């Protein structure tokens, strides 16, 4: 299923979870992270979106 969805990443920590679409960066799902944590995580995803997209396309072979 992963390769059939648009490019995205999963973030998990201590039972908390978030999923971000990468084109454009937006929150797809979130469970347990607080607002200020999500702000920091989103900034990191935005800063690294090009890297994540490159790795996504390498792994799944082309556009998702």
Protein backbone atom coordinates (compact mmCIF):
# COMPACT_ATOMS: atom_id res chain seq x y z
CA UNK A 1 0.00 0.00 0.00
CA UNK A 2 2.86 2.43 0.77
CA UNK A 3 3.96 2.74 -2.86
CA UNK A 4 0.39 3.36 -4.03
CA UNK A 5 -0.14 6.37 -1.78
CA UNK A 6 1.34 9.81 -2.49
CA UNK A 7 4.85 10.35 -1.12
CA UNK A 8 4.77 10.56 2.66
CA UNK A 9 6.69 9.86 5.85
CA UNK A 10 5.73 8.43 9.21
CA UNK A 11 6.94 9.88 12.50
CA UNK A 12 6.61 7.76 15.64
CA UNK A 13 7.87 8.31 19.18
CA UNK A 14 6.80 6.87 22.53
CA UNK A 15 3.41 5.71 21.28
CA UNK A 16 2.72 8.93 19.38
CA UNK A 17 2.35 8.96 15.62
CA UNK A 18 2.12 11.39 12.70
CA UNK A 19 2.00 10.96 8.95
CA UNK A 20 2.97 13.75 6.56
CA UNK A 21 2.31 14.04 2.84
CA UNK A 22 5.39 15.46 1.12
CA UNK A 23 3.96 17.17 -1.99
CA UNK A 24 2.95 19.63 -0.60
CA UNK A 25 3.95 19.07 3.02
CA UNK A 26 0.80 18.60 5.05
CA UNK A 27 -0.38 16.50 7.98
CA UNK A 28 -2.22 13.36 6.90
CA UNK A 29 -2.76 11.90 10.39
CA UNK A 30 -1.66 12.57 13.94
CA UNK A 31 -2.15 10.76 17.24
CA UNK A 32 -0.76 11.86 20.57
CA UNK A 33 1.67 14.61 19.59
CA UNK A 34 1.02 17.98 21.22
CA UNK A 35 0.58 21.13 19.17
CA UNK A 36 4.06 22.50 19.90
CA UNK A 37 5.61 19.13 19.03
CA UNK A 38 3.75 19.06 15.72
CA UNK A 39 4.98 22.57 14.93
CA UNK A 40 8.59 21.46 15.43
CA UNK A 41 8.12 18.19 13.54
CA UNK A 42 6.41 19.96 10.61
CA UNK A 43 9.30 22.44 10.38
CA UNK A 44 11.77 19.53 10.24
CA UNK A 45 9.71 17.80 7.55
CA UNK A 46 9.58 21.00 5.48
CA UNK A 47 13.35 21.53 5.85
CA UNK A 48 14.05 17.95 4.73
CA UNK A 49 11.23 17.37 2.24
CA UNK A 50 13.56 17.23 -0.78
CA UNK A 51 15.67 14.53 0.88
CA UNK A 52 12.59 12.53 1.91
CA UNK A 53 11.16 12.78 -1.62
CA UNK A 54 14.45 11.66 -3.15
CA UNK A 55 14.56 8.61 -0.88
CA UNK A 56 10.87 7.85 -1.50
CA UNK A 57 11.38 7.83 -5.26
CA UNK A 58 14.56 5.73 -4.95
CA UNK A 59 12.73 3.15 -2.85
CA UNK A 60 9.42 3.04 -4.71
CA UNK A 61 10.85 3.71 -8.19
CA UNK A 62 9.30 6.83 -9.63
CA UNK A 63 6.27 8.84 -8.66
CA UNK A 64 4.22 7.11 -5.96
